[in-house]
Amino acid sequence: MTEPTLLDLMKKLQDMNKTKEELAMDKADRLGKAFGEFAGALIVILGVVTLVWAILNFIFVIQVAWLKILGALLLFNLFKNIVVKPMLNK
């Protein structure tokens, strides 16, 4: 178990001085932020899935070679920027 940091201790001390209404408002604020992050991530995931589906359709339906290459390049760059770059930055 990790030791609490100074900020954690200060937050607990501030929470001791709050009323029940203020504590409920803080909890609602934290839950609202968490829900907002979840909703934003869901929207982004759905957008990326739709974009990948469109590019794959573009690659396999169109019968022009240079358009297939362009679609493959778009798909590669999408994968590289969304999946690989965050892994390398850690």
PDB file of N, CA and C in Angstrom:
ATOM      1  N   MET A   1       0.838  -1.175   0.000  1.00  0.00           N
ATOM      2  CA  MET A   1       0.000   0.000   0.000  1.00  0.00           C
ATOM      3  C   MET A   1       0.884   1.241   0.000  1.00  0.00           C
ATOM      4  N   THR A   2       0.522   2.214  -0.791  1.00  0.00           N
ATOM      5  CA  THR A   2       1.323   3.424  -0.886  1.00  0.00           C
ATOM      6  C   THR A   2       0.925   4.413   0.202  1.00  0.00           C
ATOM      7  N   GLU A   3       1.869   5.220   0.566  1.00  0.00           N
ATOM      8  CA  GLU A   3       1.597   6.238   1.580  1.00  0.00           C
ATOM      9  C   GLU A   3       0.839   7.400   0.945  1.00  0.00           C
ATOM     10  N   PRO A   4      -0.061   8.018   1.684  1.00  0.00           N
ATOM     11  CA  PRO A   4      -0.793   9.156   1.126  1.00  0.00           C
ATOM     12  C   PRO A   4       0.141  10.345   0.917  1.00  0.00           C
ATOM     13  N   THR A   5      -0.093  11.076  -0.135  1.00  0.00           N
ATOM     14  CA  THR A   5       0.726  12.245  -0.419  1.00  0.00           C
ATOM     15  C   THR A   5       0.195  13.431   0.369  1.00  0.00           C
ATOM     16  N   LEU A   6       0.939  14.500   0.336  1.00  0.00           N
ATOM     17  CA  LEU A   6       0.539  15.713   1.033  1.00  0.00           C
ATOM     18  C   LEU A   6      -0.776  16.260   0.471  1.00  0.00           C
ATOM     19  N   LEU A   7      -0.954  16.161  -0.849  1.00  0.00           N
ATOM     20  CA  LEU A   7      -2.197  16.642  -1.459  1.00  0.00           C
ATOM     21  C   LEU A   7      -3.397  15.824  -1.003  1.00  0.00           C
ATOM     22  N   ASP A   8      -3.216  14.505  -0.869  1.00  0.00           N
ATOM     23  CA  ASP A   8      -4.306  13.655  -0.374  1.00  0.00           C
ATOM     24  C   ASP A   8      -4.693  14.037   1.049  1.00  0.00           C
ATOM     25  N   LEU A   9      -3.698  14.271   1.883  1.00  0.00           N
ATOM     26  CA  LEU A   9      -3.972  14.649   3.263  1.00  0.00           C
ATOM     27  C   LEU A   9      -4.674  15.999   3.343  1.00  0.00           C
ATOM     28  N   MET A  10      -4.241  16.950   2.493  1.00  0.00           N
ATOM     29  CA  MET A  10      -4.890  18.267   2.473  1.00  0.00           C
ATOM     30  C   MET A  10      -6.341  18.144   2.002  1.00  0.00           C
ATOM     31  N   LYS A  11      -6.590  17.289   1.010  1.00  0.00           N
ATOM     32  CA  LYS A  11      -7.952  17.100   0.517  1.00  0.00           C
ATOM     33  C   LYS A  11      -8.842  16.496   1.599  1.00  0.00           C
ATOM     34  N   LYS A  12      -8.331  15.511   2.316  1.00  0.00           N
ATOM     35  CA  LYS A  12      -9.110  14.905   3.398  1.00  0.00           C
ATOM     36  C   LYS A  12      -9.406  15.921   4.501  1.00  0.00           C
ATOM     37  N   LEU A  13      -8.441  16.766   4.799  1.00  0.00           N
ATOM     38  CA  LEU A  13      -8.646  17.793   5.810  1.00  0.00           C
ATOM     39  C   LEU A  13      -9.709  18.793   5.361  1.00  0.00           C
ATOM     40  N   GLN A  14      -9.683  19.179   4.091  1.00  0.00           N
ATOM     41  CA  GLN A  14     -10.702  20.086   3.576  1.00  0.00           C
ATOM     42  C   GLN A  14     -12.073  19.420   3.574  1.00  0.00           C
ATOM     43  N   ASP A  15     -12.109  18.121   3.244  1.00  0.00           N
ATOM     44  CA  ASP A  15     -13.390  17.398   3.225  1.00  0.00           C
ATOM     45  C   ASP A  15     -14.004  17.294   4.621  1.00  0.00           C
ATOM     46  N   MET A  16     -13.170  17.275   5.651  1.00  0.00           N
ATOM     47  CA  MET A  16     -13.695  17.191   7.018  1.00  0.00           C
ATOM     48  C   MET A  16     -14.484  18.448   7.394  1.00  0.00           C
ATOM     49  N   ASN A  17     -14.141  19.576   6.778  1.00  0.00           N
ATOM     50  CA  ASN A  17     -14.781  20.844   7.107  1.00  0.00           C
ATOM     51  C   ASN A  17     -15.998  21.131   6.237  1.00  0.00           C
ATOM     52  N   LYS A  18     -16.354  20.246   5.329  1.00  0.00           N
ATOM     53  CA  LYS A  18     -17.473  20.483   4.420  1.00  0.00           C
ATOM     54  C   LYS A  18     -18.767  19.910   4.990  1.00  0.00           C
ATOM     55  N   THR A  19     -19.862  20.516   4.545  1.00  0.00           N
ATOM     56  CA  THR A  19     -21.169  20.001   4.935  1.00  0.00           C
ATOM     57  C   THR A  19     -21.531  18.818   4.038  1.00  0.00           C
ATOM     58  N   LYS A  20     -22.616  18.130   4.384  1.00  0.00           N
ATOM     59  CA  LYS A  20     -23.053  16.988   3.579  1.00  0.00           C
ATOM     60  C   LYS A  20     -23.433  17.424   2.174  1.00  0.00           C
ATOM     61  N   GLU A  21     -24.017  18.601   2.044  1.00  0.00           N
ATOM     62  CA  GLU A  21     -24.403  19.094   0.715  1.00  0.00           C
ATOM     63  C   GLU A  21     -23.171  19.358  -0.146  1.00  0.00           C
ATOM     64  N   GLU A  22     -22.149  19.949   0.463  1.00  0.00           N
ATOM     65  CA  GLU A  22     -20.917  20.209  -0.292  1.00  0.00           C
ATOM     66  C   GLU A  22     -20.232  18.907  -0.695  1.00  0.00           C
ATOM     67  N   LEU A  23     -20.238  17.925   0.197  1.00  0.00           N
ATOM     68  CA  LEU A  23     -19.650  16.621  -0.142  1.00  0.00           C
ATOM     69  C   LEU A  23     -20.423  15.954  -1.277  1.00  0.00           C
ATOM     70  N   ALA A  24     -21.763  16.076  -1.243  1.00  0.00           N
ATOM     71  CA  ALA A  24     -22.583  15.503  -2.313  1.00  0.00           C
ATOM     72  C   ALA A  24     -22.301  16.207  -3.629  1.00  0.00           C
ATOM     73  N   MET A  25     -22.123  17.536  -3.587  1.00  0.00           N
ATOM     74  CA  MET A  25     -21.811  18.286  -4.810  1.00  0.00           C
ATOM     75  C   MET A  25     -20.444  17.867  -5.371  1.00  0.00           C
ATOM     76  N   ASP A  26     -19.457  17.687  -4.499  1.00  0.00           N
ATOM     77  CA  ASP A  26     -18.137  17.241  -4.952  1.00  0.00           C
ATOM     78  C   ASP A  26     -18.206  15.856  -5.586  1.00  0.00           C
ATOM     79  N   LYS A  27     -18.974  14.964  -4.948  1.00  0.00           N
ATOM     80  CA  LYS A  27     -19.116  13.612  -5.498  1.00  0.00           C
ATOM     81  C   LYS A  27     -19.811  13.657  -6.851  1.00  0.00           C
ATOM     82  N   ALA A  28     -20.864  14.478  -6.974  1.00  0.00           N
ATOM     83  CA  ALA A  28     -21.565  14.613  -8.245  1.00  0.00           C
ATOM     84  C   ALA A  28     -20.648  15.202  -9.313  1.00  0.00           C
ATOM     85  N   ASP A  29     -19.795  16.133  -8.920  1.00  0.00           N
ATOM     86  CA  ASP A  29     -18.852  16.730  -9.864  1.00  0.00           C
ATOM     87  C   ASP A  29     -17.861  15.689 -10.372  1.00  0.00           C
ATOM     88  N   ARG A  30     -17.319  14.873  -9.457  1.00  0.00           N
ATOM     89  CA  ARG A  30     -16.379  13.817  -9.867  1.00  0.00           C
ATOM     90  C   ARG A  30     -17.053  12.802 -10.786  1.00  0.00           C
ATOM     91  N   LEU A  31     -18.290  12.400 -10.430  1.00  0.00           N
ATOM     92  CA  LEU A  31     -19.006  11.442 -11.267  1.00  0.00           C
ATOM     93  C   LEU A  31     -19.333  12.039 -12.636  1.00  0.00           C
ATOM     94  N   GLY A  32     -19.665  13.317 -12.667  1.00  0.00           N
ATOM     95  CA  GLY A  32     -19.946  13.979 -13.936  1.00  0.00           C
ATOM     96  C   GLY A  32     -18.722  14.028 -14.837  1.00  0.00           C
ATOM     97  N   LYS A  33     -17.567  14.317 -14.246  1.00  0.00           N
ATOM     98  CA  LYS A  33     -16.332  14.339 -15.035  1.00  0.00           C
ATOM     99  C   LYS A  33     -16.000  12.944 -15.566  1.00  0.00           C
ATOM    100  N   ALA A  34     -16.174  11.930 -14.716  1.00  0.00           N
ATOM    101  CA  ALA A  34     -15.899  10.557 -15.146  1.00  0.00           C
ATOM    102  C   ALA A  34     -16.843  10.141 -16.274  1.00  0.00           C
ATOM    103  N   PHE A  35     -18.136  10.494 -16.136  1.00  0.00           N
ATOM    104  CA  PHE A  35     -19.091  10.164 -17.187  1.00  0.00           C
ATOM    105  C   PHE A  35     -18.767  10.903 -18.477  1.00  0.00           C
ATOM    106  N   GLY A  36     -18.341  12.151 -18.365  1.00  0.00           N
ATOM    107  CA  GLY A  36     -17.962  12.918 -19.550  1.00  0.00           C
ATOM    108  C   GLY A  36     -16.772  12.306 -20.276  1.00  0.00           C
ATOM    109  N   GLU A  37     -15.787  11.862 -19.507  1.00  0.00           N
ATOM    110  CA  GLU A  37     -14.628  11.204 -20.121  1.00  0.00           C
ATOM    111  C   GLU A  37     -15.046   9.914 -20.813  1.00  0.00           C
ATOM    112  N   PHE A  38     -15.928   9.145 -20.167  1.00  0.00           N
ATOM    113  CA  PHE A  38     -16.400   7.894 -20.754  1.00  0.00           C
ATOM    114  C   PHE A  38     -17.183   8.157 -22.041  1.00  0.00           C
ATOM    115  N   ALA A  39     -18.069   9.140 -22.009  1.00  0.00           N
ATOM    116  CA  ALA A  39     -18.871   9.458 -23.203  1.00  0.00           C
ATOM    117  C   ALA A  39     -17.978   9.952 -24.329  1.00  0.00           C
ATOM    118  N   GLY A  40     -17.002  10.772 -24.003  1.00  0.00           N
ATOM    119  CA  GLY A  40     -16.071  11.260 -25.028  1.00  0.00           C
ATOM    120  C   GLY A  40     -15.268  10.129 -25.651  1.00  0.00           C
ATOM    121  N   ALA A  41     -14.789   9.205 -24.817  1.00  0.00           N
ATOM    122  CA  ALA A  41     -14.033   8.067 -25.331  1.00  0.00           C
ATOM    123  C   ALA A  41     -14.907   7.189 -26.217  1.00  0.00           C
ATOM    124  N   LEU A  42     -16.164   7.002 -25.826  1.00  0.00           N
ATOM    125  CA  LEU A  42     -17.079   6.193 -26.627  1.00  0.00           C
ATOM    126  C   LEU A  42     -17.326   6.837 -27.991  1.00  0.00           C
ATOM    127  N   ILE A  43     -17.508   8.142 -28.016  1.00  0.00           N
ATOM    128  CA  ILE A  43     -17.719   8.849 -29.281  1.00  0.00           C
ATOM    129  C   ILE A  43     -16.496   8.725 -30.176  1.00  0.00           C
ATOM    130  N   VAL A  44     -15.305   8.875 -29.592  1.00  0.00           N
ATOM    131  CA  VAL A  44     -14.074   8.763 -30.381  1.00  0.00           C
ATOM    132  C   VAL A  44     -13.908   7.355 -30.930  1.00  0.00           C
ATOM    133  N   ILE A  45     -14.175   6.345 -30.108  1.00  0.00           N
ATOM    134  CA  ILE A  45     -14.042   4.956 -30.566  1.00  0.00           C
ATOM    135  C   ILE A  45     -15.008   4.675 -31.711  1.00  0.00           C
ATOM    136  N   LEU A  46     -16.252   5.126 -31.573  1.00  0.00           N
ATOM    137  CA  LEU A  46     -17.221   4.915 -32.651  1.00  0.00           C
ATOM    138  C   LEU A  46     -16.798   5.648 -33.923  1.00  0.00           C
ATOM    139  N   GLY A  47     -16.246   6.834 -33.772  1.00  0.00           N
ATOM    140  CA  GLY A  47     -15.762   7.574 -34.940  1.00  0.00           C
ATOM    141  C   GLY A  47     -14.607   6.872 -35.628  1.00  0.00           C
ATOM    142  N   VAL A  48     -13.680   6.343 -34.854  1.00  0.00           N
ATOM    143  CA  VAL A  48     -12.526   5.644 -35.435  1.00  0.00           C
ATOM    144  C   VAL A  48     -12.976   4.366 -36.129  1.00  0.00           C
ATOM    145  N   VAL A  49     -13.889   3.629 -35.505  1.00  0.00           N
ATOM    146  CA  VAL A  49     -14.384   2.392 -36.120  1.00  0.00           C
ATOM    147  C   VAL A  49     -15.082   2.704 -37.440  1.00  0.00           C
ATOM    148  N   THR A  50     -15.879   3.753 -37.454  1.00  0.00           N
ATOM    149  CA  THR A  50     -16.562   4.145 -38.698  1.00  0.00           C
ATOM    150  C   THR A  50     -15.562   4.565 -39.766  1.00  0.00           C
ATOM    151  N   LEU A  51     -14.534   5.296 -39.360  1.00  0.00           N
ATOM    152  CA  LEU A  51     -13.508   5.726 -40.311  1.00  0.00           C
ATOM    153  C   LEU A  51     -12.756   4.527 -40.884  1.00  0.00           C
ATOM    154  N   VAL A  52     -12.406   3.565 -40.042  1.00  0.00           N
ATOM    155  CA  VAL A  52     -11.711   2.363 -40.521  1.00  0.00           C
ATOM    156  C   VAL A  52     -12.618   1.587 -41.475  1.00  0.00           C
ATOM    157  N   TRP A  53     -13.899   1.451 -41.125  1.00  0.00           N
ATOM    158  CA  TRP A  53     -14.844   0.755 -42.003  1.00  0.00           C
ATOM    159  C   TRP A  53     -14.930   1.453 -43.358  1.00  0.00           C
ATOM    160  N   ALA A  54     -14.994   2.774 -43.354  1.00  0.00           N
ATOM    161  CA  ALA A  54     -15.085   3.522 -44.613  1.00  0.00           C
ATOM    162  C   ALA A  54     -13.822   3.340 -45.451  1.00  0.00           C
ATOM    163  N   ILE A  55     -12.663   3.365 -44.823  1.00  0.00           N
ATOM    164  CA  ILE A  55     -11.412   3.200 -45.567  1.00  0.00           C
ATOM    165  C   ILE A  55     -11.309   1.788 -46.130  1.00  0.00           C
ATOM    166  N   LEU A  56     -11.695   0.778 -45.332  1.00  0.00           N
ATOM    167  CA  LEU A  56     -11.656  -0.593 -45.847  1.00  0.00           C
ATOM    168  C   LEU A  56     -12.625  -0.775 -47.012  1.00  0.00           C
ATOM    169  N   ASN A  57     -13.816  -0.180 -46.928  1.00  0.00           N
ATOM    170  CA  ASN A  57     -14.736  -0.214 -48.067  1.00  0.00           C
ATOM    171  C   ASN A  57     -14.116   0.466 -49.275  1.00  0.00           C
ATOM    172  N   PHE A  58     -13.469   1.580 -49.013  1.00  0.00           N
ATOM    173  CA  PHE A  58     -12.816   2.336 -50.077  1.00  0.00           C
ATOM    174  C   PHE A  58     -11.755   1.481 -50.764  1.00  0.00           C
ATOM    175  N   ILE A  59     -10.998   0.717 -49.969  1.00  0.00           N
ATOM    176  CA  ILE A  59      -9.928  -0.106 -50.533  1.00  0.00           C
ATOM    177  C   ILE A  59     -10.494  -1.272 -51.349  1.00  0.00           C
ATOM    178  N   PHE A  60     -11.502  -1.974 -50.815  1.00  0.00           N
ATOM    179  CA  PHE A  60     -11.954  -3.204 -51.447  1.00  0.00           C
ATOM    180  C   PHE A  60     -13.038  -3.008 -52.505  1.00  0.00           C
ATOM    181  N   VAL A  61     -13.762  -1.901 -52.478  1.00  0.00           N
ATOM    182  CA  VAL A  61     -14.844  -1.700 -53.442  1.00  0.00           C
ATOM    183  C   VAL A  61     -14.350  -0.978 -54.693  1.00  0.00           C
ATOM    184  N   ILE A  62     -13.521   0.012 -54.517  1.00  0.00           N
ATOM    185  CA  ILE A  62     -13.017   0.775 -55.664  1.00  0.00           C
ATOM    186  C   ILE A  62     -12.006  -0.081 -56.429  1.00  0.00           C
ATOM    187  N   GLN A  63     -12.113  -0.072 -57.737  1.00  0.00           N
ATOM    188  CA  GLN A  63     -11.239  -0.910 -58.551  1.00  0.00           C
ATOM    189  C   GLN A  63     -10.144  -0.114 -59.260  1.00  0.00           C
ATOM    190  N   VAL A  64      -9.759   1.008 -58.673  1.00  0.00           N
ATOM    191  CA  VAL A  64      -8.677   1.812 -59.236  1.00  0.00           C
ATOM    192  C   VAL A  64      -7.465   1.646 -58.320  1.00  0.00           C
ATOM    193  N   ALA A  65      -6.341   1.258 -58.897  1.00  0.00           N
ATOM    194  CA  ALA A  65      -5.173   0.860 -58.105  1.00  0.00           C
ATOM    195  C   ALA A  65      -4.653   1.994 -57.233  1.00  0.00           C
ATOM    196  N   TRP A  66      -4.536   3.204 -57.775  1.00  0.00           N
ATOM    197  CA  TRP A  66      -3.938   4.272 -56.973  1.00  0.00           C
ATOM    198  C   TRP A  66      -4.871   4.705 -55.833  1.00  0.00           C
ATOM    199  N   LEU A  67      -6.185   4.515 -56.007  1.00  0.00           N
ATOM    200  CA  LEU A  67      -7.100   4.820 -54.924  1.00  0.00           C
ATOM    201  C   LEU A  67      -6.987   3.774 -53.803  1.00  0.00           C
ATOM    202  N   LYS A  68      -6.716   2.520 -54.181  1.00  0.00           N
ATOM    203  CA  LYS A  68      -6.496   1.487 -53.173  1.00  0.00           C
ATOM    204  C   LYS A  68      -5.236   1.792 -52.369  1.00  0.00           C
ATOM    205  N   ILE A  69      -4.204   2.247 -53.032  1.00  0.00           N
ATOM    206  CA  ILE A  69      -2.958   2.598 -52.345  1.00  0.00           C
ATOM    207  C   ILE A  69      -3.189   3.780 -51.408  1.00  0.00           C
ATOM    208  N   LEU A  70      -3.963   4.774 -51.853  1.00  0.00           N
ATOM    209  CA  LEU A  70      -4.273   5.920 -51.013  1.00  0.00           C
ATOM    210  C   LEU A  70      -5.067   5.488 -49.772  1.00  0.00           C
ATOM    211  N   GLY A  71      -6.030   4.593 -49.948  1.00  0.00           N
ATOM    212  CA  GLY A  71      -6.795   4.085 -48.815  1.00  0.00           C
ATOM    213  C   GLY A  71      -5.924   3.314 -47.839  1.00  0.00           C
ATOM    214  N   ALA A  72      -5.016   2.498 -48.355  1.00  0.00           N
ATOM    215  CA  ALA A  72      -4.101   1.753 -47.483  1.00  0.00           C
ATOM    216  C   ALA A  72      -3.186   2.711 -46.724  1.00  0.00           C
ATOM    217  N   LEU A  73      -2.739   3.775 -47.382  1.00  0.00           N
ATOM    218  CA  LEU A  73      -1.898   4.764 -46.720  1.00  0.00           C
ATOM    219  C   LEU A  73      -2.671   5.469 -45.611  1.00  0.00           C
ATOM    220  N   LEU A  74      -3.928   5.827 -45.869  1.00  0.00           N
ATOM    221  CA  LEU A  74      -4.756   6.453 -44.839  1.00  0.00           C
ATOM    222  C   LEU A  74      -4.949   5.523 -43.646  1.00  0.00           C
ATOM    223  N   LEU A  75      -5.218   4.248 -43.908  1.00  0.00           N
ATOM    224  CA  LEU A  75      -5.409   3.277 -42.835  1.00  0.00           C
ATOM    225  C   LEU A  75      -4.129   3.079 -42.034  1.00  0.00           C
ATOM    226  N   PHE A  76      -2.995   3.018 -42.720  1.00  0.00           N
ATOM    227  CA  PHE A  76      -1.713   2.874 -42.038  1.00  0.00           C
ATOM    228  C   PHE A  76      -1.429   4.068 -41.140  1.00  0.00           C
ATOM    229  N   ASN A  77      -1.636   5.278 -41.651  1.00  0.00           N
ATOM    230  CA  ASN A  77      -1.375   6.478 -40.853  1.00  0.00           C
ATOM    231  C   ASN A  77      -2.319   6.570 -39.666  1.00  0.00           C
ATOM    232  N   LEU A  78      -3.564   6.172 -39.849  1.00  0.00           N
ATOM    233  CA  LEU A  78      -4.520   6.168 -38.754  1.00  0.00           C
ATOM    234  C   LEU A  78      -4.060   5.220 -37.655  1.00  0.00           C
ATOM    235  N   PHE A  79      -3.661   4.021 -38.041  1.00  0.00           N
ATOM    236  CA  PHE A  79      -3.171   3.035 -37.073  1.00  0.00           C
ATOM    237  C   PHE A  79      -1.906   3.539 -36.384  1.00  0.00           C
ATOM    238  N   LYS A  80      -1.003   4.100 -37.157  1.00  0.00           N
ATOM    239  CA  LYS A  80       0.266   4.577 -36.604  1.00  0.00           C
ATOM    240  C   LYS A  80       0.048   5.699 -35.586  1.00  0.00           C
ATOM    241  N   ASN A  81      -0.819   6.641 -35.897  1.00  0.00           N
ATOM    242  CA  ASN A  81      -1.003   7.797 -35.024  1.00  0.00           C
ATOM    243  C   ASN A  81      -1.869   7.500 -33.810  1.00  0.00           C
ATOM    244  N   ILE A  82      -2.821   6.575 -33.929  1.00  0.00           N
ATOM    245  CA  ILE A  82      -3.719   6.310 -32.817  1.00  0.00           C
ATOM    246  C   ILE A  82      -3.191   5.211 -31.903  1.00  0.00           C
ATOM    247  N   VAL A  83      -2.543   4.203 -32.459  1.00  0.00           N
ATOM    248  CA  VAL A  83      -2.133   3.047 -31.649  1.00  0.00           C
ATOM    249  C   VAL A  83      -0.648   3.099 -31.302  1.00  0.00           C
ATOM    250  N   VAL A  84       0.202   3.341 -32.282  1.00  0.00           N
ATOM    251  CA  VAL A  84       1.649   3.196 -32.057  1.00  0.00           C
ATOM    252  C   VAL A  84       2.239   4.384 -31.313  1.00  0.00           C
ATOM    253  N   LYS A  85       1.870   5.628 -31.696  1.00  0.00           N
ATOM    254  CA  LYS A  85       2.477   6.810 -31.063  1.00  0.00           C
ATOM    255  C   LYS A  85       2.249   6.867 -29.558  1.00  0.00           C
ATOM    256  N   PRO A  86       1.025   6.614 -29.050  1.00  0.00           N
ATOM    257  CA  PRO A  86       0.879   6.634 -27.587  1.00  0.00           C
ATOM    258  C   PRO A  86       1.723   5.580 -26.880  1.00  0.00           C
ATOM    259  N   MET A  87       1.952   4.441 -27.514  1.00  0.00           N
ATOM    260  CA  MET A  87       2.780   3.416 -26.900  1.00  0.00           C
ATOM    261  C   MET A  87       4.247   3.859 -26.821  1.00  0.00           C
ATOM    262  N   LEU A  88       4.695   4.579 -27.833  1.00  0.00           N
ATOM    263  CA  LEU A  88       6.083   5.027 -27.853  1.00  0.00           C
ATOM    264  C   LEU A  88       6.311   6.181 -26.892  1.00  0.00           C
ATOM    265  N   ASN A  89       5.293   6.979 -26.612  1.00  0.00           N
ATOM    266  CA  ASN A  89       5.435   8.126 -25.732  1.00  0.00           C
ATOM    267  C   ASN A  89       5.505   7.754 -24.262  1.00  0.00           C
ATOM    268  N   LYS A  90       5.139   6.519 -23.909  1.00  0.00           N
ATOM    269  CA  LYS A  90       5.155   6.125 -22.490  1.00  0.00           C
ATOM    270  C   LYS A  90       6.523   5.789 -22.017  1.00  0.00           C
TER     271      LYS A  90
END
